Amino acid sequence: MSVLLAYIAFFVGAFLIVALIRKRLVERHDFTSLKTVTFGDESAVSPDRAASIISVVVIFVIWAAFTGSKLFPIHVPGPFSGTTEFTYTAQNAAGEQDDAVVRVLVHELGADVSDPEIEPGSGFAKNDVDTVAEWRSTLIRADRNDEGSEEDGFTILLVNGQPISPANEVKVDNGTVSITEKGSLNFTPYKGMQMEPIWLPPPEAVVERFFEIARDGYQNFTLVEHVGWSLIRVIVGFIAGSLVGIPLGYAMGLSGWFRGWFDPIVEFMRPVPPLALIPLVIIWFGIWETGKIILLFLAALWIMTIAARAGVSGVNISKIHAAYSLGASKWQIMRHVIIPNSLPEIFTGARVAMGVCWGTVVAAELVAAQKGAGMMIIAASKFQLTDIVIMGIVLIGIIGYGIDILMRMAERWLVPWKGRA
């Protein structure tokens, strides 16, 4: 919740600051600025580069602030680290009460430390010490040193002067204390608002792991081989899905028989997630490369089919009539009217299909894969290597974004008439 609130605050603050700066310092002189009505006009909306840059910076800042990154000086409150104390009041079998002190050293996770020192005290309740790592808790057998603790009726009544029982916990300096049914004290140090590294490591840990794997490899294969094999699988599956899906979509858009025959199949399979097909694909095609390619092929097939069908259905009928009036044959209409006018829809579908294939490649490499970005993520997750998992996710995202940019460039080059009447 705190991360979401911080993100919303950054969004609103950045918008107001940039809007104020532009209003005072920058006066726009472009086509959009000359329009009298822009709300609801899609042509007047283009990506704000300042917003894009600030968005990436904000994500990094929040990531760094909530993980205690050394790359960023400002952090949200982190876990308590150091020495803290609390007192407890014990009552023996004779009904006598005595106080003792528990001193706890909270240390960095994975550090090798020694117990703090403390005098035992003169009463029957003896002072005690313990150590615990940040974000962890420790069970303190405070009564093990107390005189008469083995007798019936010995119990711990208070912590820092407040009543304690298994049903409640007591807040102490730098943490909380609860008690078990058997009378042991459980101390949990203050965890703060930062994320534990096992859940979300800081950015520098992910970068460090990237260079380490790029240098030494992971699971007997280099980073280039892992990413390359995922890329090859996705491209092969996407191309196969396009080669089947686009002609099928054209046929469904041009023939009532084809549309009636295949429409139930396409509409039935379209909402089925590729992950649900994994067991069936394994049974039919095995666990090796064929099964992975088939799964990615199915992920792209239905999207490309629908995109091609929508492209044909969206062709302006006046263009068809104009071509017929000029004496064009069906093949000429197909080549010079239908295909060019359907390409924008097909490119949009291709971008969606490629994104779905990238999202499916992790699942495709779930079974018996020895190399691949998805395999690297899955293998690392089994050992709770969150830095490798995040690194793999970032790599897949960057490569997917790069492919989308290339497809946009190809669309502008191959379909320059998109958006024109």
Foldseek 3Di string as FASTA:
>chain_A
DVLVVLLVVLLVVVVVVVVVCCVPPNDDDDPLVPDPDDVVPPVSDDDDVVSVVSNVVSVQVSLCQQAVHPVDDHHFDFADFAKDKKKWWKAAPVRDIDMEMEIEGEHAPPDDDDWDDDAQDDAQQGYYTYYYYAPDKDWAPSCPSGPRSVPPPIAIADMNNHGADQVDWADDPQWIWHADPVHIIMTHGGGGRHDDVLVRHRPVLLVVVVVVQCVVNDLPDGPCFQAVVLVVLLVLLQVLLLVQQQVLLQCLQPDVVSVVVCVVVLVVLVVPQLLVCLVVLCVVPNLDSVSLSVSLNSLLNSLLNNLNNVQQVPFDVVVVVVCVVVPDDPVCCVVPGSVLSSVVSNLVSSLVSSVSSLVCSLVSCPGPHSGHLSVQLVVCVVVSVVSSNVSSVVVSVVVSVVVNVVSVVVCCVVRVCPPPD
